[in-house]
Every structure is written in structure tokens, then in C-alpha cells.
């Protein structure tokens, strides 16, 4: 019985050790995100200020989604609609991504460090909670 317990514990310990070897959560110039209905996974991204960012987005949801980064200080609440004014205050937008599609694109991270709102601009998706955060940090020298 004791030998079987050791055999059962070893895979669990292995998984825990490997999970500690993952990304540190620090800034990255290459990020991946999955869109579902109605969430961004992960919903917080950290990038270095002023750097070119490669973004790979997969829509694993059942409906189309897009991706908007709002300008610093311009955030929408869940009861607001994504209208022309919101698009005018977007820092960067990715085109509509159909269900099941994956797209890779690049953009320049904002030069000013801070917390930027990310959201899906498709009607009703912000109200459903499809929102996240882009943390821009000072780039390492």
C-alpha cells in the first residue's frame, strides 16, 4: 500500500515542480490570448513600454470577438456601449476574429507606463464582462 502511495504522489509532485518553471508574469514582447464567450484568457497582460508586441489571439468561443486597447485614462464601464467615441479613444484595435480562428499581429506598446483597459468591442460583449487589463511597465535598459 505504501509503495502505491509513492507512485501516486510522484506525478503530482512532478506537475507542481513544472508549474513553478513557467513564465514569471513579467513583461513580454510576445503574448498569447484566448477569447471565449465572454472572457479573455489571460485577462491581464504585461508588456514593456514602447516595444513592438507580437500578439497571438485565438477565438475559441462560439461567436466573433474583437480586441481593443483603450488609451490611458479612457475606460468604459460595463453599462456603456462601444460607439464612435470609444473607437476614437482606442489606442489599438484588432479586427474581428471569427469563432475558431487564430490571428497573429503586432503593435507598438504605449510609451507611457500604466494600466490600460482591454475589451471586446462587439455589441453586448463589454456588458457581458469581456474586459481585461494591459499593464505597461518601463522597459528594461
Protein backbone atom coordinates (compact mmCIF):
# COMPACT_ATOMS: atom_id res chain seq x y z
CA UNK A 1 0.00 0.00 0.00
CA UNK A 2 2.77 2.42 0.93
CA UNK A 3 4.54 1.80 -2.39
CA UNK A 4 1.34 2.63 -4.30
CA UNK A 5 1.04 5.88 -2.37
CA UNK A 6 4.54 6.92 -3.50
CA UNK A 7 3.67 6.09 -7.11
CA UNK A 8 0.51 8.23 -6.87
CA UNK A 9 2.34 11.17 -5.29
CA UNK A 10 5.22 11.32 -7.78
CA UNK A 11 3.14 12.59 -10.76
CA UNK A 12 1.54 15.26 -8.57
CA UNK A 13 4.95 16.43 -7.33
CA UNK A 14 6.25 16.50 -10.93
CA UNK A 15 3.36 18.71 -12.07
CA UNK A 16 3.89 21.09 -9.14
CA UNK A 17 7.60 21.38 -9.88
CA UNK A 18 6.94 22.09 -13.57
CA UNK A 19 4.30 24.69 -12.77
CA UNK A 20 6.96 26.62 -10.86
CA UNK A 21 9.09 26.71 -14.02
CA UNK A 22 6.55 28.67 -16.06
CA UNK A 23 6.66 32.36 -17.03
CA UNK A 24 7.32 34.78 -14.21
CA UNK A 25 4.44 37.07 -15.14
CA UNK A 26 6.90 39.81 -16.08
CA UNK A 27 6.68 41.92 -19.21
CA UNK A 28 6.84 40.15 -22.54
CA UNK A 29 7.01 41.24 -26.16
CA UNK A 30 5.29 38.04 -27.29
CA UNK A 31 1.89 37.33 -25.80
CA UNK A 32 -0.88 34.83 -26.48
CA UNK A 33 -4.52 35.19 -25.57
CA UNK A 34 -7.64 33.09 -25.99
CA UNK A 35 -11.07 34.66 -26.39
CA UNK A 36 -14.06 32.69 -25.18
CA UNK A 37 -17.66 33.66 -24.64
CA UNK A 38 -17.19 36.15 -22.87
CA UNK A 39 -13.70 36.21 -21.38
CA UNK A 40 -10.09 36.93 -22.28
CA UNK A 41 -7.67 34.26 -21.05
CA UNK A 42 -5.48 35.52 -19.55
CA UNK A 43 -7.32 38.74 -18.77
CA UNK A 44 -4.19 40.58 -17.62
CA UNK A 45 -1.18 41.11 -19.89
CA UNK A 46 2.11 42.84 -19.05
CA UNK A 47 4.27 44.41 -21.75
CA UNK A 48 7.31 46.73 -21.81
CA UNK A 49 6.62 50.35 -22.76
CA UNK A 50 7.38 51.42 -26.32
CA UNK A 51 8.32 47.94 -27.57
CA UNK A 52 6.90 46.08 -30.55
CA UNK A 53 4.50 43.43 -29.25
CA UNK A 54 3.54 40.24 -31.09
CA UNK A 55 0.04 39.20 -30.13
CA UNK A 56 -1.40 35.80 -30.99
CA UNK A 57 -5.14 35.61 -30.39
CA UNK A 58 -7.33 32.53 -30.70
CA UNK A 59 -11.11 32.75 -30.64
CA UNK A 60 -12.30 29.53 -29.03
CA UNK A 61 -15.76 30.98 -28.47
CA UNK A 62 -18.91 30.37 -30.47
CA UNK A 63 -19.26 33.96 -31.72
CA UNK A 64 -16.98 36.59 -33.27
CA UNK A 65 -14.88 38.85 -31.00
CA UNK A 66 -12.51 41.75 -31.42
CA UNK A 67 -9.82 43.24 -29.22
CA UNK A 68 -9.43 46.90 -28.26
CA UNK A 69 -6.84 48.59 -26.08
CA UNK A 70 -8.18 51.87 -24.75
CA UNK A 71 -5.96 54.93 -24.36
CA UNK A 72 -4.60 55.58 -20.88
CA UNK A 73 -7.33 57.18 -18.77
CA UNK A 74 -10.15 56.17 -21.13
CA UNK A 75 -12.12 53.28 -19.72
CA UNK A 76 -15.63 52.12 -20.42
CA UNK A 77 -17.92 50.74 -17.75
CA UNK A 78 -19.97 47.64 -18.38
CA UNK A 79 -23.15 49.67 -18.96
CA UNK A 80 -21.57 51.82 -21.71
CA UNK A 81 -21.75 50.99 -25.41
CA UNK A 82 -18.72 50.77 -27.66
CA UNK A 83 -19.56 53.63 -30.01
CA UNK A 84 -17.66 56.04 -32.28
CA UNK A 85 -16.37 57.94 -29.24
CA UNK A 86 -14.98 54.72 -27.77
CA UNK A 87 -13.26 53.89 -31.06
CA UNK A 88 -11.78 57.42 -31.12
CA UNK A 89 -10.31 56.73 -27.66
CA UNK A 90 -8.88 53.35 -28.57
CA UNK A 91 -5.10 53.07 -28.53
CA UNK A 92 -5.13 49.98 -30.79
CA UNK A 93 -7.76 47.66 -32.27
CA UNK A 94 -7.59 44.19 -33.76
CA UNK A 95 -10.03 43.23 -36.48
CA UNK A 96 -12.99 40.98 -35.83
CA UNK A 97 -11.96 37.38 -35.27
CA UNK A 98 -14.48 34.71 -36.21
CA UNK A 99 -15.15 31.70 -33.98
CA UNK A 100 -12.39 29.11 -34.29
CA UNK A 101 -9.90 31.48 -35.93
CA UNK A 102 -6.39 32.43 -34.78
CA UNK A 103 -4.64 35.64 -35.75
CA UNK A 104 -1.15 36.93 -35.08
CA UNK A 105 -0.47 40.64 -35.30
CA UNK A 106 1.95 43.23 -33.98
CA UNK A 107 1.54 46.62 -32.38
CA UNK A 108 3.72 49.12 -30.54
CA UNK A 109 3.08 49.12 -26.81
CA UNK A 110 2.17 52.51 -25.39
CA UNK A 111 5.22 54.56 -24.41
CA UNK A 112 3.60 55.63 -21.14
CA UNK A 113 3.58 53.02 -18.36
CA UNK A 114 0.22 52.43 -16.72
CA UNK A 115 -2.92 50.32 -16.66
CA UNK A 116 -4.83 50.20 -19.94
CA UNK A 117 -8.27 48.67 -20.35
CA UNK A 118 -8.71 45.94 -22.94
CA UNK A 119 -12.16 44.95 -24.11
CA UNK A 120 -14.20 43.31 -26.82
CA UNK A 121 -16.00 45.98 -28.83
CA UNK A 122 -18.71 43.70 -30.23
CA UNK A 123 -22.14 44.91 -29.11
CA UNK A 124 -23.07 43.47 -25.72
CA UNK A 125 -19.73 41.80 -25.02
CA UNK A 126 -18.44 44.52 -22.67
CA UNK A 127 -21.71 44.30 -20.72
CA UNK A 128 -21.21 40.53 -20.53
CA UNK A 129 -17.84 41.12 -18.84
CA UNK A 130 -15.40 40.71 -21.73
CA UNK A 131 -12.82 43.08 -20.33
CA UNK A 132 -9.23 42.85 -19.16
CA UNK A 133 -6.12 44.83 -18.35
CA UNK A 134 -2.90 45.65 -20.21
CA UNK A 135 -0.17 46.62 -17.78
CA UNK A 136 2.58 48.64 -19.45
CA UNK A 137 5.82 48.81 -17.47
CA UNK A 138 9.04 50.71 -18.03
CA UNK A 139 11.23 48.75 -20.45
CA UNK A 140 14.43 47.30 -19.04
CA UNK A 141 17.56 49.25 -20.02
